[in-house]
Amino acid sequence: MKSKTNPGKVLTKLFGSGARARILELLLSSSGRTFYQREIMLETGLSLQPAQRELKNLLDLGIVKKRETRDRVYYEINVLSPFFEPLCEICEFTKKKN
C-alpha cells in the first residue's frame, strides 16, 4: 500500500535541497510575479544564507532571473528557461499525486 507523501518532501528528494525546492515551489506557483529577497525568505521560512545560495544556483542555471533597482533586487521565475515547463509539470504532478 502506498502512503501519501508531502509534495514538498518529494521535491526536496528530487532536487537534493529543501531550500531550493521551497524557492522553486514559491516562484513557480507565482509565475509572472517578482519577489525581493526578504519576501522569498519570509514566504519560504529560509534564513539569509540558504536563500542567497539557492537563488544564486538558480540564477546560474537560468531558471530564475533578477532585476536590480536602486534599493532592491527582485527575483522571478524565468518563463523563457528551457526548464520552466518541465519544472511546472513536476510541481503539478507531485501535487496531484497527494
PDB file of N, CA and C in Angstrom:
ATOM      1  N   MET A   1       0.839  -1.180   0.000  1.00  0.00           N
ATOM      2  CA  MET A   1       0.000   0.000   0.000  1.00  0.00           C
ATOM      3  C   MET A   1       0.883   1.242   0.000  1.00  0.00           C
ATOM      4  N   LYS A   2       0.559   2.160  -0.847  1.00  0.00           N
ATOM      5  CA  LYS A   2       1.346   3.369  -0.990  1.00  0.00           C
ATOM      6  C   LYS A   2       0.840   4.443  -0.035  1.00  0.00           C
ATOM      7  N   SER A   3       1.769   5.045   0.719  1.00  0.00           N
ATOM      8  CA  SER A   3       1.359   6.118   1.630  1.00  0.00           C
ATOM      9  C   SER A   3       1.469   7.454   0.912  1.00  0.00           C
ATOM     10  N   LYS A   4       0.670   8.384   1.371  1.00  0.00           N
ATOM     11  CA  LYS A   4       0.716   9.728   0.786  1.00  0.00           C
ATOM     12  C   LYS A   4       1.979  10.428   1.253  1.00  0.00           C
ATOM     13  N   THR A   5       2.621  11.093   0.329  1.00  0.00           N
ATOM     14  CA  THR A   5       3.856  11.800   0.626  1.00  0.00           C
ATOM     15  C   THR A   5       3.624  13.282   0.454  1.00  0.00           C
ATOM     16  N   ASN A   6       4.226  14.051   1.311  1.00  0.00           N
ATOM     17  CA  ASN A   6       4.152  15.501   1.232  1.00  0.00           C
ATOM     18  C   ASN A   6       4.830  15.968  -0.057  1.00  0.00           C
ATOM     19  N   PRO A   7       4.154  16.804  -0.877  1.00  0.00           N
ATOM     20  CA  PRO A   7       4.772  17.278  -2.126  1.00  0.00           C
ATOM     21  C   PRO A   7       6.106  17.976  -1.899  1.00  0.00           C
ATOM     22  N   GLY A   8       6.212  18.721  -0.812  1.00  0.00           N
ATOM     23  CA  GLY A   8       7.480  19.405  -0.506  1.00  0.00           C
ATOM     24  C   GLY A   8       8.609  18.417  -0.279  1.00  0.00           C
ATOM     25  N   LYS A   9       8.308  17.286   0.369  1.00  0.00           N
ATOM     26  CA  LYS A   9       9.328  16.262   0.609  1.00  0.00           C
ATOM     27  C   LYS A   9       9.754  15.599  -0.689  1.00  0.00           C
ATOM     28  N   VAL A  10       8.793  15.390  -1.588  1.00  0.00           N
ATOM     29  CA  VAL A  10       9.120  14.806  -2.887  1.00  0.00           C
ATOM     30  C   VAL A  10      10.071  15.733  -3.638  1.00  0.00           C
ATOM     31  N   LEU A  11       9.744  17.022  -3.657  1.00  0.00           N
ATOM     32  CA  LEU A  11      10.599  17.980  -4.363  1.00  0.00           C
ATOM     33  C   LEU A  11      11.976  18.074  -3.714  1.00  0.00           C
ATOM     34  N   THR A  12      12.038  18.019  -2.390  1.00  0.00           N
ATOM     35  CA  THR A  12      13.321  18.064  -1.691  1.00  0.00           C
ATOM     36  C   THR A  12      14.178  16.867  -2.091  1.00  0.00           C
ATOM     37  N   LYS A  13      13.581  15.692  -2.114  1.00  0.00           N
ATOM     38  CA  LYS A  13      14.334  14.499  -2.513  1.00  0.00           C
ATOM     39  C   LYS A  13      14.771  14.597  -3.968  1.00  0.00           C
ATOM     40  N   LEU A  14      13.901  15.102  -4.810  1.00  0.00           N
ATOM     41  CA  LEU A  14      14.205  15.210  -6.229  1.00  0.00           C
ATOM     42  C   LEU A  14      15.327  16.207  -6.503  1.00  0.00           C
ATOM     43  N   PHE A  15      15.254  17.373  -5.860  1.00  0.00           N
ATOM     44  CA  PHE A  15      16.228  18.431  -6.128  1.00  0.00           C
ATOM     45  C   PHE A  15      17.421  18.419  -5.186  1.00  0.00           C
ATOM     46  N   GLY A  16      17.373  17.613  -4.129  1.00  0.00           N
ATOM     47  CA  GLY A  16      18.519  17.486  -3.247  1.00  0.00           C
ATOM     48  C   GLY A  16      18.699  18.627  -2.263  1.00  0.00           C
ATOM     49  N   SER A  17      17.770  19.548  -2.232  1.00  0.00           N
ATOM     50  CA  SER A  17      17.875  20.688  -1.336  1.00  0.00           C
ATOM     51  C   SER A  17      16.481  21.165  -0.968  1.00  0.00           C
ATOM     52  N   GLY A  18      16.204  21.188   0.316  1.00  0.00           N
ATOM     53  CA  GLY A  18      14.914  21.693   0.778  1.00  0.00           C
ATOM     54  C   GLY A  18      14.740  23.158   0.450  1.00  0.00           C
ATOM     55  N   ALA A  19      15.828  23.925   0.582  1.00  0.00           N
ATOM     56  CA  ALA A  19      15.764  25.358   0.291  1.00  0.00           C
ATOM     57  C   ALA A  19      15.452  25.593  -1.185  1.00  0.00           C
ATOM     58  N   ARG A  20      16.117  24.857  -2.044  1.00  0.00           N
ATOM     59  CA  ARG A  20      15.891  25.010  -3.490  1.00  0.00           C
ATOM     60  C   ARG A  20      14.455  24.619  -3.848  1.00  0.00           C
ATOM     61  N   ALA A  21      13.975  23.539  -3.265  1.00  0.00           N
ATOM     62  CA  ALA A  21      12.614  23.088  -3.541  1.00  0.00           C
ATOM     63  C   ALA A  21      11.593  24.135  -3.099  1.00  0.00           C
ATOM     64  N   ARG A  22      11.788  24.726  -1.919  1.00  0.00           N
ATOM     65  CA  ARG A  22      10.843  25.741  -1.423  1.00  0.00           C
ATOM     66  C   ARG A  22      10.839  26.985  -2.295  1.00  0.00           C
ATOM     67  N   ILE A  23      12.028  27.420  -2.715  1.00  0.00           N
ATOM     68  CA  ILE A  23      12.112  28.603  -3.581  1.00  0.00           C
ATOM     69  C   ILE A  23      11.452  28.316  -4.925  1.00  0.00           C
ATOM     70  N   LEU A  24      11.752  27.158  -5.506  1.00  0.00           N
ATOM     71  CA  LEU A  24      11.135  26.805  -6.787  1.00  0.00           C
ATOM     72  C   LEU A  24       9.625  26.712  -6.679  1.00  0.00           C
ATOM     73  N   GLU A  25       9.145  26.093  -5.622  1.00  0.00           N
ATOM     74  CA  GLU A  25       7.704  25.958  -5.434  1.00  0.00           C
ATOM     75  C   GLU A  25       7.042  27.336  -5.346  1.00  0.00           C
ATOM     76  N   LEU A  26       7.655  28.256  -4.606  1.00  0.00           N
ATOM     77  CA  LEU A  26       7.121  29.610  -4.471  1.00  0.00           C
ATOM     78  C   LEU A  26       7.115  30.325  -5.822  1.00  0.00           C
ATOM     79  N   LEU A  27       8.251  30.340  -6.497  1.00  0.00           N
ATOM     80  CA  LEU A  27       8.360  31.097  -7.744  1.00  0.00           C
ATOM     81  C   LEU A  27       7.517  30.490  -8.864  1.00  0.00           C
ATOM     82  N   LEU A  28       7.464  29.175  -8.931  1.00  0.00           N
ATOM     83  CA  LEU A  28       6.652  28.529  -9.970  1.00  0.00           C
ATOM     84  C   LEU A  28       5.165  28.749  -9.737  1.00  0.00           C
ATOM     85  N   SER A  29       4.754  28.755  -8.492  1.00  0.00           N
ATOM     86  CA  SER A  29       3.328  28.954  -8.202  1.00  0.00           C
ATOM     87  C   SER A  29       2.909  30.409  -8.363  1.00  0.00           C
ATOM     88  N   SER A  30       3.896  31.296  -8.489  1.00  0.00           N
ATOM     89  CA  SER A  30       3.619  32.729  -8.640  1.00  0.00           C
ATOM     90  C   SER A  30       4.254  33.257  -9.917  1.00  0.00           C
ATOM     91  N   SER A  31       4.205  32.475 -10.962  1.00  0.00           N
ATOM     92  CA  SER A  31       4.816  32.848 -12.232  1.00  0.00           C
ATOM     93  C   SER A  31       4.331  34.230 -12.676  1.00  0.00           C
ATOM     94  N   GLY A  32       5.268  35.073 -13.074  1.00  0.00           N
ATOM     95  CA  GLY A  32       4.933  36.426 -13.505  1.00  0.00           C
ATOM     96  C   GLY A  32       5.044  37.455 -12.394  1.00  0.00           C
ATOM     97  N   ARG A  33       5.220  36.987 -11.167  1.00  0.00           N
ATOM     98  CA  ARG A  33       5.347  37.900 -10.029  1.00  0.00           C
ATOM     99  C   ARG A  33       6.808  37.976  -9.610  1.00  0.00           C
ATOM    100  N   THR A  34       7.238  39.162  -9.222  1.00  0.00           N
ATOM    101  CA  THR A  34       8.601  39.327  -8.728  1.00  0.00           C
ATOM    102  C   THR A  34       8.578  39.394  -7.200  1.00  0.00           C
ATOM    103  N   PHE A  35       9.657  38.919  -6.614  1.00  0.00           N
ATOM    104  CA  PHE A  35       9.833  38.923  -5.166  1.00  0.00           C
ATOM    105  C   PHE A  35      11.192  39.529  -4.850  1.00  0.00           C
ATOM    106  N   TYR A  36      11.274  40.289  -3.784  1.00  0.00           N
ATOM    107  CA  TYR A  36      12.595  40.676  -3.339  1.00  0.00           C
ATOM    108  C   TYR A  36      13.061  39.632  -2.334  1.00  0.00           C
ATOM    109  N   GLN A  37      14.357  39.623  -2.059  1.00  0.00           N
ATOM    110  CA  GLN A  37      14.949  38.545  -1.273  1.00  0.00           C
ATOM    111  C   GLN A  37      14.264  38.335   0.076  1.00  0.00           C
ATOM    112  N   ARG A  38      13.956  39.383   0.785  1.00  0.00           N
ATOM    113  CA  ARG A  38      13.324  39.237   2.094  1.00  0.00           C
ATOM    114  C   ARG A  38      11.948  38.576   1.971  1.00  0.00           C
ATOM    115  N   GLU A  39      11.212  38.894   0.918  1.00  0.00           N
ATOM    116  CA  GLU A  39       9.914  38.240   0.688  1.00  0.00           C
ATOM    117  C   GLU A  39      10.083  36.738   0.491  1.00  0.00           C
ATOM    118  N   ILE A  40      11.087  36.373  -0.285  1.00  0.00           N
ATOM    119  CA  ILE A  40      11.349  34.956  -0.520  1.00  0.00           C
ATOM    120  C   ILE A  40      11.693  34.270   0.797  1.00  0.00           C
ATOM    121  N   MET A  41      12.505  34.923   1.604  1.00  0.00           N
ATOM    122  CA  MET A  41      12.867  34.364   2.906  1.00  0.00           C
ATOM    123  C   MET A  41      11.634  34.193   3.792  1.00  0.00           C
ATOM    124  N   LEU A  42      10.787  35.196   3.837  1.00  0.00           N
ATOM    125  CA  LEU A  42       9.588  35.129   4.675  1.00  0.00           C
ATOM    126  C   LEU A  42       8.609  34.069   4.180  1.00  0.00           C
ATOM    127  N   GLU A  43       8.400  34.013   2.876  1.00  0.00           N
ATOM    128  CA  GLU A  43       7.441  33.061   2.300  1.00  0.00           C
ATOM    129  C   GLU A  43       7.895  31.609   2.420  1.00  0.00           C
ATOM    130  N   THR A  44       9.205  31.395   2.382  1.00  0.00           N
ATOM    131  CA  THR A  44       9.727  30.030   2.415  1.00  0.00           C
ATOM    132  C   THR A  44      10.218  29.610   3.792  1.00  0.00           C
ATOM    133  N   GLY A  45      10.380  30.568   4.696  1.00  0.00           N
ATOM    134  CA  GLY A  45      10.901  30.252   6.029  1.00  0.00           C
ATOM    135  C   GLY A  45      12.399  30.015   6.053  1.00  0.00           C
ATOM    136  N   LEU A  46      13.091  30.468   5.018  1.00  0.00           N
ATOM    137  CA  LEU A  46      14.535  30.277   4.938  1.00  0.00           C
ATOM    138  C   LEU A  46      15.281  31.437   5.580  1.00  0.00           C
ATOM    139  N   SER A  47      16.472  31.153   6.069  1.00  0.00           N
ATOM    140  CA  SER A  47      17.327  32.221   6.562  1.00  0.00           C
ATOM    141  C   SER A  47      18.142  32.783   5.389  1.00  0.00           C
ATOM    142  N   LEU A  48      18.906  33.810   5.657  1.00  0.00           N
ATOM    143  CA  LEU A  48      19.603  34.563   4.609  1.00  0.00           C
ATOM    144  C   LEU A  48      20.537  33.700   3.759  1.00  0.00           C
ATOM    145  N   GLN A  49      21.456  32.985   4.387  1.00  0.00           N
ATOM    146  CA  GLN A  49      22.465  32.257   3.611  1.00  0.00           C
ATOM    147  C   GLN A  49      21.891  31.168   2.707  1.00  0.00           C
ATOM    148  N   PRO A  50      20.990  30.312   3.198  1.00  0.00           N
ATOM    149  CA  PRO A  50      20.418  29.319   2.274  1.00  0.00           C
ATOM    150  C   PRO A  50      19.634  29.964   1.122  1.00  0.00           C
ATOM    151  N   ALA A  51      18.917  31.030   1.412  1.00  0.00           N
ATOM    152  CA  ALA A  51      18.162  31.715   0.353  1.00  0.00           C
ATOM    153  C   ALA A  51      19.114  32.293  -0.689  1.00  0.00           C
ATOM    154  N   GLN A  52      20.158  32.960  -0.244  1.00  0.00           N
ATOM    155  CA  GLN A  52      21.125  33.540  -1.182  1.00  0.00           C
ATOM    156  C   GLN A  52      21.820  32.462  -2.013  1.00  0.00           C
ATOM    157  N   ARG A  53      22.230  31.394  -1.349  1.00  0.00           N
ATOM    158  CA  ARG A  53      22.940  30.305  -2.046  1.00  0.00           C
ATOM    159  C   ARG A  53      22.060  29.692  -3.134  1.00  0.00           C
ATOM    160  N   GLU A  54      20.813  29.389  -2.792  1.00  0.00           N
ATOM    161  CA  GLU A  54      19.948  28.736  -3.776  1.00  0.00           C
ATOM    162  C   GLU A  54      19.487  29.685  -4.873  1.00  0.00           C
ATOM    163  N   LEU A  55      19.271  30.941  -4.545  1.00  0.00           N
ATOM    164  CA  LEU A  55      18.939  31.911  -5.592  1.00  0.00           C
ATOM    165  C   LEU A  55      20.097  32.046  -6.577  1.00  0.00           C
ATOM    166  N   LYS A  56      21.325  32.045  -6.070  1.00  0.00           N
ATOM    167  CA  LYS A  56      22.487  32.117  -6.952  1.00  0.00           C
ATOM    168  C   LYS A  56      22.558  30.874  -7.840  1.00  0.00           C
ATOM    169  N   ASN A  57      22.334  29.698  -7.250  1.00  0.00           N
ATOM    170  CA  ASN A  57      22.339  28.458  -8.047  1.00  0.00           C
ATOM    171  C   ASN A  57      21.281  28.506  -9.151  1.00  0.00           C
ATOM    172  N   LEU A  58      20.095  28.942  -8.799  1.00  0.00           N
ATOM    173  CA  LEU A  58      19.007  29.016  -9.777  1.00  0.00           C
ATOM    174  C   LEU A  58      19.266  30.083 -10.839  1.00  0.00           C
ATOM    175  N   LEU A  59      19.904  31.168 -10.446  1.00  0.00           N
ATOM    176  CA  LEU A  59      20.298  32.205 -11.415  1.00  0.00           C
ATOM    177  C   LEU A  59      21.335  31.650 -12.391  1.00  0.00           C
ATOM    178  N   ASP A  60      22.337  30.954 -11.846  1.00  0.00           N
ATOM    179  CA  ASP A  60      23.395  30.381 -12.683  1.00  0.00           C
ATOM    180  C   ASP A  60      22.844  29.396 -13.709  1.00  0.00           C
ATOM    181  N   LEU A  61      21.767  28.705 -13.351  1.00  0.00           N
ATOM    182  CA  LEU A  61      21.135  27.742 -14.266  1.00  0.00           C
ATOM    183  C   LEU A  61      20.165  28.405 -15.241  1.00  0.00           C
ATOM    184  N   GLY A  62      19.874  29.690 -15.015  1.00  0.00           N
ATOM    185  CA  GLY A  62      18.940  30.401 -15.884  1.00  0.00           C
ATOM    186  C   GLY A  62      17.478  30.133 -15.555  1.00  0.00           C
ATOM    187  N   ILE A  63      17.208  29.473 -14.434  1.00  0.00           N
ATOM    188  CA  ILE A  63      15.844  29.157 -14.037  1.00  0.00           C
ATOM    189  C   ILE A  63      15.161  30.370 -13.412  1.00  0.00           C
ATOM    190  N   VAL A  64      15.961  31.189 -12.770  1.00  0.00           N
ATOM    191  CA  VAL A  64      15.476  32.412 -12.122  1.00  0.00           C
ATOM    192  C   VAL A  64      16.203  33.581 -12.762  1.00  0.00           C
ATOM    193  N   LYS A  65      15.518  34.701 -12.846  1.00  0.00           N
ATOM    194  CA  LYS A  65      16.177  35.924 -13.314  1.00  0.00           C
ATOM    195  C   LYS A  65      16.016  36.994 -12.246  1.00  0.00           C
ATOM    196  N   LYS A  66      16.935  37.955 -12.283  1.00  0.00           N
ATOM    197  CA  LYS A  66      16.855  39.024 -11.289  1.00  0.00           C
ATOM    198  C   LYS A  66      16.895  40.374 -11.976  1.00  0.00           C
ATOM    199  N   ARG A  67      16.288  41.323 -11.285  1.00  0.00           N
ATOM    200  CA  ARG A  67      16.250  42.705 -11.765  1.00  0.00           C
ATOM    201  C   ARG A  67      16.621  43.579 -10.574  1.00  0.00           C
ATOM    202  N   GLU A  68      17.600  44.437 -10.798  1.00  0.00           N
ATOM    203  CA  GLU A  68      18.055  45.313  -9.728  1.00  0.00           C
ATOM    204  C   GLU A  68      17.512  46.717  -9.928  1.00  0.00           C
ATOM    205  N   THR A  69      17.015  47.291  -8.833  1.00  0.00           N
ATOM    206  CA  THR A  69      16.621  48.692  -8.827  1.00  0.00           C
ATOM    207  C   THR A  69      17.612  49.415  -7.920  1.00  0.00           C
ATOM    208  N   ARG A  70      17.355  50.644  -7.690  1.00  0.00           N
ATOM    209  CA  ARG A  70      18.271  51.431  -6.877  1.00  0.00           C
ATOM    210  C   ARG A  70      18.449  50.849  -5.472  1.00  0.00           C
ATOM    211  N   ASP A  71      17.376  50.356  -4.875  1.00  0.00           N
ATOM    212  CA  ASP A  71      17.471  49.905  -3.495  1.00  0.00           C
ATOM    213  C   ASP A  71      17.059  48.459  -3.250  1.00  0.00           C
ATOM    214  N   ARG A  72      16.659  47.735  -4.283  1.00  0.00           N
ATOM    215  CA  ARG A  72      16.242  46.338  -4.090  1.00  0.00           C
ATOM    216  C   ARG A  72      16.641  45.479  -5.283  1.00  0.00           C
ATOM    217  N   VAL A  73      16.723  44.177  -5.016  1.00  0.00           N
ATOM    218  CA  VAL A  73      16.959  43.194  -6.063  1.00  0.00           C
ATOM    219  C   VAL A  73      15.723  42.300  -6.093  1.00  0.00           C
ATOM    220  N   TYR A  74      15.139  42.163  -7.257  1.00  0.00           N
ATOM    221  CA  TYR A  74      13.928  41.361  -7.428  1.00  0.00           C
ATOM    222  C   TYR A  74      14.246  40.078  -8.184  1.00  0.00           C
ATOM    223  N   TYR A  75      13.561  39.009  -7.805  1.00  0.00           N
ATOM    224  CA  TYR A  75      13.731  37.706  -8.441  1.00  0.00           C
ATOM    225  C   TYR A  75      12.390  37.220  -8.964  1.00  0.00           C
ATOM    226  N   GLU A  76      12.445  36.491 -10.063  1.00  0.00           N
ATOM    227  CA  GLU A  76      11.247  35.840 -10.585  1.00  0.00           C
ATOM    228  C   GLU A  76      11.659  34.628 -11.393  1.00  0.00           C
ATOM    229  N   ILE A  77      10.711  33.733 -11.593  1.00  0.00           N
ATOM    230  CA  ILE A  77      10.974  32.551 -12.400  1.00  0.00           C
ATOM    231  C   ILE A  77      11.171  32.997 -13.848  1.00  0.00           C
ATOM    232  N   ASN A  78      12.095  32.396 -14.527  1.00  0.00           N
ATOM    233  CA  ASN A  78      12.372  32.729 -15.926  1.00  0.00           C
ATOM    234  C   ASN A  78      11.505  31.838 -16.816  1.00  0.00           C
ATOM    235  N   VAL A  79      10.415  32.388 -17.295  1.00  0.00           N
ATOM    236  CA  VAL A  79       9.480  31.600 -18.122  1.00  0.00           C
ATOM    237  C   VAL A  79      10.080  31.237 -19.479  1.00  0.00           C
ATOM    238  N   LEU A  80      11.182  31.865 -19.861  1.00  0.00           N
ATOM    239  CA  LEU A  80      11.847  31.543 -21.124  1.00  0.00           C
ATOM    240  C   LEU A  80      12.904  30.454 -20.974  1.00  0.00           C
ATOM    241  N   SER A  81      13.164  30.039 -19.744  1.00  0.00           N
ATOM    242  CA  SER A  81      14.127  28.976 -19.496  1.00  0.00           C
ATOM    243  C   SER A  81      13.602  27.663 -20.074  1.00  0.00           C
ATOM    244  N   PRO A  82      14.484  26.850 -20.648  1.00  0.00           N
ATOM    245  CA  PRO A  82      14.035  25.545 -21.146  1.00  0.00           C
ATOM    246  C   PRO A  82      13.568  24.622 -20.015  1.00  0.00           C
ATOM    247  N   PHE A  83      13.881  24.968 -18.779  1.00  0.00           N
ATOM    248  CA  PHE A  83      13.478  24.159 -17.628  1.00  0.00           C
ATOM    249  C   PHE A  83      12.114  24.559 -17.073  1.00  0.00           C
ATOM    250  N   PHE A  84      11.575  25.694 -17.518  1.00  0.00           N
ATOM    251  CA  PHE A  84      10.331  26.207 -16.931  1.00  0.00           C
ATOM    252  C   PHE A  84       9.175  25.212 -17.042  1.00  0.00           C
ATOM    253  N   GLU A  85       8.864  24.771 -18.235  1.00  0.00           N
ATOM    254  CA  GLU A  85       7.730  23.852 -18.427  1.00  0.00           C
ATOM    255  C   GLU A  85       7.928  22.535 -17.694  1.00  0.00           C
ATOM    256  N   PRO A  86       9.101  21.892 -17.829  1.00  0.00           N
ATOM    257  CA  PRO A  86       9.286  20.642 -17.086  1.00  0.00           C
ATOM    258  C   PRO A  86       9.160  20.820 -15.564  1.00  0.00           C
ATOM    259  N   LEU A  87       9.679  21.911 -15.029  1.00  0.00           N
ATOM    260  CA  LEU A  87       9.567  22.152 -13.590  1.00  0.00           C
ATOM    261  C   LEU A  87       8.113  22.364 -13.180  1.00  0.00           C
ATOM    262  N   CYS A  88       7.358  23.085 -13.997  1.00  0.00           N
ATOM    263  CA  CYS A  88       5.929  23.266 -13.712  1.00  0.00           C
ATOM    264  C   CYS A  88       5.217  21.921 -13.691  1.00  0.00           C
ATOM    265  N   GLU A  89       5.531  21.073 -14.661  1.00  0.00           N
ATOM    266  CA  GLU A  89       4.903  19.757 -14.730  1.00  0.00           C
ATOM    267  C   GLU A  89       5.268  18.901 -13.519  1.00  0.00           C
ATOM    268  N   ILE A  90       6.516  18.957 -13.094  1.00  0.00           N
ATOM    269  CA  ILE A  90       6.945  18.189 -11.926  1.00  0.00           C
ATOM    270  C   ILE A  90       6.202  18.660 -10.683  1.00  0.00           C
ATOM    271  N   CYS A  91       6.114  19.970 -10.500  1.00  0.00           N
ATOM    272  CA  CYS A  91       5.419  20.507  -9.327  1.00  0.00           C
ATOM    273  C   CYS A  91       3.941  20.140  -9.356  1.00  0.00           C
ATOM    274  N   GLU A  92       3.309  20.249 -10.501  1.00  0.00           N
ATOM    275  CA  GLU A  92       1.894  19.885 -10.617  1.00  0.00           C
ATOM    276  C   GLU A  92       1.695  18.393 -10.369  1.00  0.00           C
ATOM    277  N   PHE A  93       2.591  17.578 -10.896  1.00  0.00           N
ATOM    278  CA  PHE A  93       2.489  16.135 -10.730  1.00  0.00           C
ATOM    279  C   PHE A  93       2.587  15.743  -9.251  1.00  0.00           C
ATOM    280  N   THR A  94       3.513  16.349  -8.529  1.00  0.00           N
ATOM    281  CA  THR A  94       3.666  15.995  -7.115  1.00  0.00           C
ATOM    282  C   THR A  94       2.442  16.433  -6.316  1.00  0.00           C
ATOM    283  N   LYS A  95       1.805  17.532  -6.704  1.00  0.00           N
ATOM    284  CA  LYS A  95       0.605  17.977  -6.004  1.00  0.00           C
ATOM    285  C   LYS A  95      -0.581  17.064  -6.297  1.00  0.00           C
ATOM    286  N   LYS A  96      -0.699  16.600  -7.544  1.00  0.00           N
ATOM    287  CA  LYS A  96      -1.815  15.723  -7.940  1.00  0.00           C
ATOM    288  C   LYS A  96      -1.720  14.357  -7.286  1.00  0.00           C
ATOM    289  N   LYS A  97      -0.498  13.876  -7.099  1.00  0.00           N
ATOM    290  CA  LYS A  97      -0.296  12.547  -6.540  1.00  0.00           C
ATOM    291  C   LYS A  97      -0.660  12.485  -5.062  1.00  0.00           C
ATOM    292  N   ASN A  98      -0.838  13.626  -4.416  1.00  0.00           N
ATOM    293  CA  ASN A  98      -1.095  13.637  -2.976  1.00  0.00           C
ATOM    294  C   ASN A  98      -2.453  14.200  -2.651  1.00  0.00           C
TER     295      ASN A  98
END
